[in-house]
N, C-alpha and C. Protein backbone atom coordinates (compact mmCIF):
# COMPACT_ATOMS: atom_id res chain seq x y z
N MET A 1 13.82 -58.09 -22.86
CA MET A 1 13.66 -56.75 -22.85
C MET A 1 16.00 -57.13 -22.41
N SER A 2 16.32 -55.95 -22.97
CA SER A 2 17.95 -55.98 -23.17
C SER A 2 18.47 -54.95 -21.78
N ARG A 3 19.46 -55.51 -21.00
CA ARG A 3 20.01 -55.11 -20.21
C ARG A 3 20.02 -53.06 -20.21
N ALA A 4 20.14 -52.58 -20.72
CA ALA A 4 20.10 -51.00 -20.96
C ALA A 4 18.75 -50.62 -21.17
N ASP A 5 17.84 -51.03 -21.61
CA ASP A 5 16.28 -51.30 -21.50
C ASP A 5 16.03 -51.00 -20.09
N ARG A 6 16.44 -51.81 -19.45
CA ARG A 6 16.17 -52.52 -18.03
C ARG A 6 16.29 -50.74 -16.96
N ALA A 7 17.59 -50.76 -17.28
CA ALA A 7 18.68 -49.65 -16.60
C ALA A 7 17.63 -48.33 -16.57
N ALA A 8 17.58 -48.16 -18.48
CA ALA A 8 16.50 -47.00 -18.68
C ALA A 8 15.38 -46.70 -17.69
N ALA A 9 14.43 -47.88 -17.71
CA ALA A 9 13.09 -47.85 -17.07
C ALA A 9 13.49 -47.70 -15.87
N VAL A 10 14.60 -48.53 -14.90
CA VAL A 10 14.85 -47.93 -13.23
C VAL A 10 14.80 -46.52 -13.56
N ILE A 11 16.21 -46.01 -14.08
CA ILE A 11 15.78 -44.50 -14.12
C ILE A 11 15.05 -43.66 -14.25
N ALA A 12 14.64 -43.88 -15.17
CA ALA A 12 13.01 -43.00 -15.14
C ALA A 12 12.50 -43.21 -14.14
N ALA A 13 11.71 -44.61 -13.22
CA ALA A 13 11.35 -44.86 -12.60
C ALA A 13 11.60 -44.03 -11.45
N ILE A 14 13.52 -44.06 -11.13
CA ILE A 14 13.54 -43.63 -9.86
C ILE A 14 13.64 -41.77 -10.61
N GLY A 15 13.10 -41.12 -11.77
CA GLY A 15 13.28 -39.49 -11.51
C GLY A 15 11.77 -39.30 -11.40
N MET A 16 10.78 -40.71 -11.76
CA MET A 16 9.29 -39.77 -11.24
C MET A 16 9.46 -40.34 -9.68
N ALA A 17 9.39 -40.96 -9.51
CA ALA A 17 9.59 -41.19 -7.85
C ALA A 17 10.14 -39.66 -7.65
N ALA A 18 11.46 -39.39 -7.91
CA ALA A 18 11.99 -38.26 -7.45
C ALA A 18 11.08 -36.81 -7.00
N VAL A 19 10.73 -37.12 -9.14
CA VAL A 19 9.34 -35.69 -8.87
C VAL A 19 7.78 -35.30 -8.83
N LEU A 20 7.72 -37.01 -8.24
CA LEU A 20 6.46 -36.88 -7.35
C LEU A 20 6.73 -36.62 -6.17
N SER A 21 7.17 -37.31 -5.25
CA SER A 21 7.95 -36.69 -3.75
C SER A 21 8.41 -35.35 -3.16
N TYR A 22 8.82 -35.00 -4.37
CA TYR A 22 9.01 -33.23 -4.66
C TYR A 22 7.91 -32.60 -4.27
N PRO A 23 7.49 -31.69 -2.78
CA PRO A 23 6.96 -30.35 -2.87
C PRO A 23 6.63 -29.43 -3.34
N MET A 24 5.16 -29.48 -4.05
CA MET A 24 5.13 -28.94 -4.94
C MET A 24 3.62 -27.88 -4.38
N THR A 25 3.88 -26.94 -4.65
CA THR A 25 2.91 -25.66 -3.77
C THR A 25 2.58 -24.97 -5.68
N LEU A 26 1.54 -24.66 -5.01
CA LEU A 26 0.33 -23.62 -6.46
C LEU A 26 0.69 -22.31 -5.86
N SER A 27 1.18 -21.93 -7.06
CA SER A 27 1.22 -20.00 -7.05
C SER A 27 -0.14 -19.28 -7.60
N ALA A 28 -1.36 -18.89 -6.61
CA ALA A 28 -2.86 -18.26 -6.81
C ALA A 28 -2.46 -17.15 -7.18
N ALA A 29 -2.70 -15.93 -8.00
CA ALA A 29 -2.54 -15.29 -9.22
C ALA A 29 -3.30 -14.42 -7.35
N PRO A 30 -2.55 -13.27 -7.11
CA PRO A 30 -3.02 -12.56 -6.21
C PRO A 30 -4.26 -11.75 -6.46
N LEU A 31 -5.28 -11.71 -5.78
CA LEU A 31 -6.23 -11.38 -5.68
C LEU A 31 -6.13 -9.41 -6.00
N THR A 32 -7.09 -8.90 -6.65
CA THR A 32 -7.19 -7.20 -7.13
C THR A 32 -7.65 -6.61 -5.96
N ILE A 33 -7.19 -5.69 -5.35
CA ILE A 33 -7.85 -4.80 -4.05
C ILE A 33 -7.82 -3.52 -4.50
N ALA A 34 -8.82 -2.71 -4.80
CA ALA A 34 -8.72 -1.08 -4.71
C ALA A 34 -9.17 -0.61 -3.56
N VAL A 35 -8.09 0.21 -3.62
CA VAL A 35 -7.92 1.25 -1.84
C VAL A 35 -8.52 2.23 -2.13
N ALA A 36 -9.43 2.70 -2.27
CA ALA A 36 -10.05 4.33 -2.76
C ALA A 36 -9.06 5.26 -1.66
N ASP A 37 -9.75 6.37 -2.28
CA ASP A 37 -9.30 7.71 -1.43
C ASP A 37 -10.11 7.93 0.35
N PHE A 38 -10.06 8.17 1.28
CA PHE A 38 -10.78 8.72 2.67
C PHE A 38 -11.26 9.18 2.67
N ASP A 39 -12.30 9.76 2.58
CA ASP A 39 -13.30 11.38 3.43
C ASP A 39 -12.71 11.59 4.63
N TYR A 40 -12.77 12.12 4.91
CA TYR A 40 -12.07 13.20 6.57
C TYR A 40 -13.14 14.06 6.60
N ILE A 41 -13.82 14.35 7.92
CA ILE A 41 -14.35 14.95 8.40
C ILE A 41 -14.65 15.10 9.58
N ASP A 42 -13.90 16.88 10.03
CA ASP A 42 -13.44 17.48 11.65
C ASP A 42 -14.37 18.22 11.74
N THR A 43 -15.06 17.49 12.88
CA THR A 43 -16.38 18.43 13.63
C THR A 43 -15.84 18.54 14.83
N SER A 44 -14.23 19.03 15.49
CA SER A 44 -14.10 19.28 16.65
C SER A 44 -14.37 20.13 17.25
N GLY A 45 -14.46 21.60 15.97
CA GLY A 45 -14.11 22.77 16.31
C GLY A 45 -12.83 23.57 17.18
N GLU A 46 -12.00 22.65 16.88
CA GLU A 46 -10.78 23.44 16.96
C GLU A 46 -10.62 24.66 16.47
N VAL A 47 -9.93 25.44 17.27
CA VAL A 47 -9.27 27.19 16.43
C VAL A 47 -8.43 27.29 15.43
N LYS A 48 -7.20 25.94 15.58
CA LYS A 48 -6.42 26.15 15.01
C LYS A 48 -7.10 25.24 13.33
N ASP A 49 -6.37 25.97 12.14
CA ASP A 49 -6.72 25.16 10.75
C ASP A 49 -5.73 24.04 10.15
N GLN A 50 -6.72 23.32 10.12
CA GLN A 50 -5.66 21.92 10.65
C GLN A 50 -6.42 21.32 8.52
N ARG A 51 -6.47 21.82 8.30
CA ARG A 51 -6.96 21.24 6.69
C ARG A 51 -5.78 20.73 6.27
N ALA A 52 -4.53 21.75 6.22
CA ALA A 52 -3.62 20.74 4.78
C ALA A 52 -2.43 19.21 5.85
N GLU A 53 -2.96 19.94 7.10
CA GLU A 53 -2.31 18.22 7.49
C GLU A 53 -3.68 17.38 7.81
N HIS A 54 -4.57 17.48 7.47
CA HIS A 54 -5.82 16.26 7.66
C HIS A 54 -5.09 15.89 6.49
N ARG A 55 -5.13 16.18 5.13
CA ARG A 55 -5.06 16.26 3.81
C ARG A 55 -4.34 15.20 3.72
N ALA A 56 -3.34 15.28 4.54
CA ALA A 56 -1.90 14.89 4.33
C ALA A 56 -2.40 13.70 4.65
N ARG A 57 -2.83 13.46 5.96
CA ARG A 57 -2.78 12.92 6.50
C ARG A 57 -3.62 11.57 5.50
N MET A 58 -4.52 11.83 5.31
CA MET A 58 -6.01 11.10 4.49
C MET A 58 -4.84 10.52 3.37
N ALA A 59 -3.95 11.22 2.82
CA ALA A 59 -3.58 10.85 2.06
C ALA A 59 -2.00 9.37 2.41
N GLN A 60 -2.14 9.98 3.36
CA GLN A 60 -1.08 9.32 3.96
C GLN A 60 -1.69 7.86 4.40
N PHE A 61 -2.80 8.45 5.08
CA PHE A 61 -3.66 7.02 5.41
C PHE A 61 -3.78 5.77 4.28
N ALA A 62 -4.17 6.32 3.30
CA ALA A 62 -4.47 5.20 1.99
C ALA A 62 -3.67 4.61 1.33
N GLU A 63 -2.50 5.16 1.40
CA GLU A 63 -0.38 4.85 0.86
C GLU A 63 -0.97 3.83 2.00
N LEU A 64 -0.56 4.23 3.09
CA LEU A 64 -0.10 2.84 4.42
C LEU A 64 -1.23 1.90 4.10
N LEU A 65 -2.80 2.13 3.93
CA LEU A 65 -3.42 0.82 3.83
C LEU A 65 -2.72 0.35 2.48
N ARG A 66 -2.76 0.83 1.52
CA ARG A 66 -2.23 -0.04 0.38
C ARG A 66 -0.75 -1.02 0.41
N ALA A 67 -0.30 -0.22 0.96
CA ALA A 67 1.22 -0.66 1.33
C ALA A 67 1.41 -1.88 2.59
N LYS A 68 0.51 -2.17 3.86
CA LYS A 68 -0.35 -2.90 4.41
C LYS A 68 -0.37 -4.11 3.19
N LEU A 69 -1.86 -3.88 2.62
CA LEU A 69 -2.31 -4.72 1.58
C LEU A 69 -1.23 -6.02 1.09
N GLY A 70 -0.69 -4.43 0.18
CA GLY A 70 0.40 -5.25 -0.88
C GLY A 70 1.68 -5.97 -0.18
N ALA A 71 1.76 -6.11 0.71
CA ALA A 71 3.41 -6.49 1.47
C ALA A 71 3.10 -7.98 1.40
N GLU A 72 2.41 -8.42 1.57
CA GLU A 72 3.15 -10.54 1.41
C GLU A 72 2.48 -11.01 0.30
N GLY A 73 2.48 -10.11 -0.41
CA GLY A 73 2.13 -10.78 -1.92
C GLY A 73 1.09 -11.15 -2.34
N GLU A 74 0.01 -11.05 -1.34
CA GLU A 74 -1.47 -11.91 -1.38
C GLU A 74 -2.43 -10.82 -2.37
N PHE A 75 -2.42 -10.11 -2.32
CA PHE A 75 -2.96 -8.99 -2.78
C PHE A 75 -1.90 -8.08 -3.98
N HIS A 76 -3.02 -7.44 -4.88
CA HIS A 76 -2.33 -6.86 -6.02
C HIS A 76 -3.28 -5.40 -6.23
N VAL A 77 -2.85 -4.43 -5.34
CA VAL A 77 -3.74 -2.97 -5.15
C VAL A 77 -3.27 -2.19 -5.84
N ILE A 78 -4.23 -1.37 -6.20
CA ILE A 78 -4.39 -0.47 -7.23
C ILE A 78 -5.50 1.08 -6.02
N PRO A 79 -5.14 1.86 -6.33
CA PRO A 79 -5.93 3.56 -6.50
C PRO A 79 -6.99 3.15 -7.09
N ILE A 80 -7.88 4.02 -7.30
CA ILE A 80 -9.47 3.84 -7.76
C ILE A 80 -8.60 5.39 -8.68
N GLU A 81 -8.62 5.26 -9.89
CA GLU A 81 -8.67 6.65 -10.62
C GLU A 81 -10.07 7.00 -10.90
N CYS A 82 -10.50 8.75 -10.62
CA CYS A 82 -11.59 9.10 -11.02
C CYS A 82 -10.90 11.17 -11.87
N ALA A 83 -11.98 11.94 -12.16
CA ALA A 83 -11.42 13.17 -12.74
C ALA A 83 -11.16 14.13 -12.23
N GLU A 84 -11.72 14.07 -10.69
CA GLU A 84 -11.96 15.15 -9.88
C GLU A 84 -11.53 14.30 -8.23
N PRO A 85 -10.04 13.79 -8.05
CA PRO A 85 -9.56 13.19 -7.02
C PRO A 85 -10.22 14.16 -5.52
N PRO A 86 -10.91 13.55 -4.62
CA PRO A 86 -10.23 12.11 -4.06
C PRO A 86 -11.48 11.21 -4.53
N CYS A 87 -11.19 10.50 -5.04
CA CYS A 87 -11.54 8.91 -5.10
C CYS A 87 -12.82 8.64 -4.35
N THR A 88 -13.80 8.84 -4.17
CA THR A 88 -14.55 8.65 -3.02
C THR A 88 -16.16 8.45 -2.93
N PRO A 89 -16.52 7.49 -2.71
CA PRO A 89 -18.18 7.69 -2.84
C PRO A 89 -19.02 8.96 -2.27
N ILE A 90 -18.76 9.62 -1.25
CA ILE A 90 -18.94 10.97 -1.50
C ILE A 90 -18.66 12.23 -2.33
N ASN A 91 -17.49 12.45 -2.42
CA ASN A 91 -16.81 13.35 -3.93
C ASN A 91 -17.76 12.72 -5.10
N MET A 92 -17.47 11.77 -5.28
CA MET A 92 -18.26 10.98 -6.51
C MET A 92 -19.72 10.76 -6.35
N GLN A 93 -20.18 10.98 -5.29
CA GLN A 93 -21.29 9.94 -5.78
C GLN A 93 -21.49 8.93 -5.72
N PRO A 94 -22.46 7.82 -5.15
CA PRO A 94 -21.97 5.95 -5.29
C PRO A 94 -22.43 5.59 -6.93
N GLU A 95 -22.95 5.94 -6.97
CA GLU A 95 -22.98 5.01 -8.29
C GLU A 95 -21.54 5.79 -9.49
N ARG A 96 -21.32 6.31 -9.52
CA ARG A 96 -19.91 6.73 -10.30
C ARG A 96 -18.68 6.22 -9.90
N PHE A 97 -18.97 5.96 -8.47
CA PHE A 97 -17.78 5.53 -7.00
C PHE A 97 -17.52 3.94 -8.04
N ILE A 98 -18.63 3.25 -7.67
CA ILE A 98 -18.76 1.92 -7.83
C ILE A 98 -18.04 1.84 -9.08
N ALA A 99 -18.89 2.40 -10.64
CA ALA A 99 -18.60 2.42 -11.53
C ALA A 99 -17.14 1.92 -11.88
N ALA A 100 -16.22 3.40 -11.58
CA ALA A 100 -15.22 3.35 -10.95
C ALA A 100 -14.00 2.15 -10.42
N SER A 101 -15.01 2.27 -9.62
CA SER A 101 -14.03 0.45 -8.36
C SER A 101 -14.61 -0.73 -10.45
N ARG A 102 -15.76 -0.51 -10.18
CA ARG A 102 -15.61 -1.71 -11.55
C ARG A 102 -14.50 -2.02 -12.04
N SER A 103 -14.65 -0.72 -13.04
CA SER A 103 -13.35 -0.11 -14.86
C SER A 103 -12.12 -0.25 -13.89
N SER A 104 -11.41 0.00 -12.77
CA SER A 104 -10.22 -0.98 -12.78
C SER A 104 -9.73 -1.60 -12.67
N SER A 105 -11.04 -2.85 -12.62
CA SER A 105 -11.01 -4.41 -13.30
C SER A 105 -10.50 -5.09 -11.42
N ALA A 106 -10.26 -4.22 -10.57
CA ALA A 106 -10.74 -5.10 -9.04
C ALA A 106 -11.63 -5.94 -8.34
N ARG A 107 -11.12 -6.94 -7.75
CA ARG A 107 -12.15 -7.83 -6.87
C ARG A 107 -12.54 -7.25 -6.05
N PHE A 108 -12.03 -6.48 -5.20
CA PHE A 108 -12.50 -5.84 -3.90
C PHE A 108 -12.47 -4.68 -4.15
N VAL A 109 -13.10 -3.67 -3.35
CA VAL A 109 -12.36 -2.16 -2.82
C VAL A 109 -13.38 -2.36 -1.70
N VAL A 110 -12.33 -1.41 -0.96
CA VAL A 110 -12.37 -0.39 0.53
C VAL A 110 -12.27 0.65 -0.18
N TYR A 111 -12.80 1.15 0.85
CA TYR A 111 -13.47 2.52 1.37
C TYR A 111 -14.20 3.38 2.74
N GLY A 112 -14.03 4.34 2.67
CA GLY A 112 -14.71 4.85 3.99
C GLY A 112 -14.13 6.17 4.65
N GLY A 113 -14.16 6.89 5.63
CA GLY A 113 -13.89 8.34 6.41
C GLY A 113 -13.80 8.16 7.55
N ILE A 114 -13.38 9.54 7.63
CA ILE A 114 -12.19 9.57 9.29
C ILE A 114 -13.56 10.18 9.81
N HIS A 115 -13.91 10.54 10.84
CA HIS A 115 -14.38 11.76 12.06
C HIS A 115 -13.53 12.21 12.64
N LYS A 116 -13.11 13.18 13.23
CA LYS A 116 -12.17 13.94 13.67
C LYS A 116 -13.80 14.39 14.82
N THR A 117 -13.62 13.91 16.43
CA THR A 117 -15.03 14.63 16.88
C THR A 117 -14.32 15.01 18.13
N SER A 118 -12.95 15.22 18.42
CA SER A 118 -12.49 16.18 19.57
C SER A 118 -10.88 15.85 19.13
N THR A 119 -10.28 16.51 19.58
CA THR A 119 -8.70 16.72 19.60
C THR A 119 -8.36 15.21 19.79
N LEU A 120 -8.92 14.40 20.67
CA LEU A 120 -8.24 13.12 21.15
C LEU A 120 -8.72 11.98 20.47
N VAL A 121 -10.52 12.40 19.69
CA VAL A 121 -10.71 10.75 19.69
C VAL A 121 -11.44 11.45 18.03
N GLN A 122 -10.65 10.59 17.14
CA GLN A 122 -11.60 10.21 15.77
C GLN A 122 -11.91 9.06 15.57
N TRP A 123 -13.36 9.23 14.59
CA TRP A 123 -13.08 7.40 14.51
C TRP A 123 -13.60 7.38 12.57
N GLY A 124 -14.06 5.82 12.58
CA GLY A 124 -13.83 5.93 11.00
C GLY A 124 -14.86 5.00 10.07
N ASP A 125 -15.39 4.89 9.54
CA ASP A 125 -16.32 3.85 8.94
C ASP A 125 -15.69 3.38 7.41
N VAL A 126 -15.57 1.97 7.61
CA VAL A 126 -14.06 1.26 6.46
C VAL A 126 -15.33 -0.14 6.28
N GLU A 127 -15.63 0.73 5.00
CA GLU A 127 -16.43 -1.10 3.78
C GLU A 127 -15.43 -1.20 3.01
N LEU A 128 -15.96 -2.58 3.05
CA LEU A 128 -15.11 -3.85 1.70
C LEU A 128 -16.07 -4.12 0.87
N LEU A 129 -15.98 -4.16 -0.63
CA LEU A 129 -17.03 -4.87 -0.91
C LEU A 129 -16.97 -5.81 -2.03
N ASP A 130 -17.24 -6.69 -2.22
CA ASP A 130 -16.52 -7.65 -3.31
C ASP A 130 -17.05 -7.50 -4.85
N LEU A 131 -16.89 -6.77 -5.59
CA LEU A 131 -17.79 -5.98 -6.93
C LEU A 131 -17.92 -7.55 -7.54
N GLU A 132 -17.19 -8.73 -7.04
CA GLU A 132 -17.63 -10.03 -8.73
C GLU A 132 -19.19 -10.33 -8.07
N SER A 133 -19.16 -10.11 -6.37
CA SER A 133 -20.50 -10.85 -6.27
C SER A 133 -21.85 -9.84 -5.85
N ASN A 134 -20.93 -8.13 -5.50
CA ASN A 134 -22.17 -7.23 -5.41
C ASN A 134 -22.28 -7.79 -4.01
N LYS A 135 -21.98 -8.29 -3.11
CA LYS A 135 -21.76 -8.69 -1.70
C LYS A 135 -20.91 -7.74 -0.91
N LEU A 136 -21.19 -7.19 0.18
CA LEU A 136 -19.89 -5.92 1.29
C LEU A 136 -20.20 -7.30 2.39
N LEU A 137 -18.76 -7.12 2.14
CA LEU A 137 -17.65 -8.62 2.81
C LEU A 137 -17.93 -7.27 5.00
N LEU A 138 -18.05 -6.14 4.88
CA LEU A 138 -16.66 -5.83 6.00
C LEU A 138 -17.69 -4.68 5.65
N LYS A 139 -18.21 -4.18 7.05
CA LYS A 139 -18.94 -2.34 7.65
C LYS A 139 -18.35 -2.91 9.04
N ARG A 140 -17.34 -2.03 9.16
CA ARG A 140 -16.67 -1.29 10.58
C ARG A 140 -16.62 -0.61 10.76
N THR A 141 -16.80 -0.49 12.21
CA THR A 141 -16.27 1.63 12.59
C THR A 141 -15.66 1.00 13.73
N VAL A 142 -13.97 1.58 13.25
CA VAL A 142 -13.14 2.11 14.15
C VAL A 142 -12.54 3.04 14.26
N THR A 143 -11.62 3.37 16.01
CA THR A 143 -11.57 4.25 16.26
C THR A 143 -10.59 4.69 17.44
N PHE A 144 -9.98 5.73 17.15
CA PHE A 144 -8.27 6.21 17.43
C PHE A 144 -8.49 6.97 18.01
N ARG A 145 -7.23 7.17 19.10
CA ARG A 145 -6.45 8.48 19.84
C ARG A 145 -5.59 8.87 18.77
N GLY A 146 -6.14 10.45 19.43
CA GLY A 146 -5.05 11.48 18.87
C GLY A 146 -4.98 11.91 17.24
N ASP A 147 -4.23 12.57 17.09
CA ASP A 147 -4.17 13.43 15.61
C ASP A 147 -3.16 13.91 15.19
N THR A 148 -2.26 12.83 15.08
CA THR A 148 -1.51 12.81 14.64
C THR A 148 -0.35 11.69 13.82
N ASP A 149 0.46 11.45 13.17
CA ASP A 149 0.35 10.62 11.66
C ASP A 149 0.67 9.67 12.34
N GLU A 150 1.00 9.19 13.61
CA GLU A 150 1.54 7.94 14.23
C GLU A 150 0.30 6.87 14.71
N ALA A 151 -1.00 8.10 15.47
CA ALA A 151 -1.86 7.34 15.41
C ALA A 151 -2.79 7.10 14.30
N PHE A 152 -2.72 8.05 13.19
CA PHE A 152 -2.71 7.55 11.91
C PHE A 152 -2.66 6.16 11.06
N SER A 153 -1.05 6.60 10.94
CA SER A 153 -0.53 4.78 10.45
C SER A 153 -1.21 3.95 11.48
N ARG A 154 -1.15 3.95 12.57
CA ARG A 154 -1.43 2.46 13.34
C ARG A 154 -3.22 2.11 13.36
N ALA A 155 -3.81 2.59 12.72
CA ALA A 155 -4.64 3.09 12.06
C ALA A 155 -4.98 2.45 10.69
N ALA A 156 -4.26 3.24 9.84
CA ALA A 156 -4.21 2.13 8.71
C ALA A 156 -3.86 0.62 8.59
N ALA A 157 -2.64 0.41 9.78
CA ALA A 157 -2.23 -0.96 10.31
C ALA A 157 -3.73 -1.68 11.00
N PHE A 158 -3.72 -1.22 11.56
CA PHE A 158 -5.40 -1.64 11.95
C PHE A 158 -6.21 -2.87 10.79
N VAL A 159 -6.46 -1.42 10.25
CA VAL A 159 -7.82 -1.89 9.20
C VAL A 159 -6.75 -2.83 8.28
N GLY A 160 -6.24 -2.62 7.54
CA GLY A 160 -5.33 -3.39 7.02
C GLY A 160 -5.77 -5.13 7.23
N ASP A 161 -4.89 -5.17 8.72
CA ASP A 161 -4.98 -6.18 8.90
C ASP A 161 -7.12 -6.72 9.26
N THR A 162 -7.62 -6.18 9.20
CA THR A 162 -8.75 -6.04 9.24
C THR A 162 -9.50 -6.73 7.72
N VAL A 163 -9.24 -5.93 7.10
CA VAL A 163 -9.52 -6.19 5.62
C VAL A 163 -9.24 -7.32 5.39
N ARG A 164 -8.02 -7.59 5.44
CA ARG A 164 -7.44 -8.70 4.93
C ARG A 164 -8.20 -9.74 5.82
N ASP A 165 -8.40 -10.04 7.25
CA ASP A 165 -10.01 -11.10 7.63
C ASP A 165 -10.44 -11.25 7.26
N ALA A 166 -11.55 -10.00 6.79
CA ALA A 166 -12.17 -10.13 6.35
C ALA A 166 -13.01 -10.64 4.71
N ILE A 167 -11.92 -10.41 4.09
CA ILE A 167 -11.37 -11.46 2.59
C ILE A 167 -10.77 -13.07 2.78
N ASP A 168 -10.39 -13.49 3.90
CA ASP A 168 -10.25 -14.46 3.79
C ASP A 168 -11.70 -15.33 4.82
N LYS A 169 -12.00 -13.94 5.43
CA LYS A 169 -13.27 -15.48 5.82
C LYS A 169 -14.59 -15.33 4.78
N ARG A 170 -14.66 -14.70 3.98
CA ARG A 170 -14.75 -14.46 2.39
C ARG A 170 -16.04 -16.13 1.94
């Protein structure tokens, strides 16, 4: 072996050692999750008509939840599309809702509803379904105090963390 060949072999070996010693991270594609609109029921008996405010807060709740889940790039978050929004199991009927969720190409779907029982207390049901395995990964009741934008924002953040934890534990 000539001196030039040996030098080339040494350089190649050094280069290969450098490549192999460089930490490599494999980046997995983000999981796709559909976040449905959430239903809202008000049985508080308050005199003031708050339907417009509640519709706006429910739209904001779903958007905040989508943003929370998509913030770290772990999930590709999409809404569910339907002919007559809101796109919820109650509004669409469960079979059509699941069909719409599956047609979105999402792996998971998050859905539920919030129930206002008094001026101070609201509770919600949140469910997470793995559409691939048809397995319910999360069924959780959450409560929160207040009927304000801030209360809904905090609830959406909590639900986002809860959903992320459920997917991590699957």
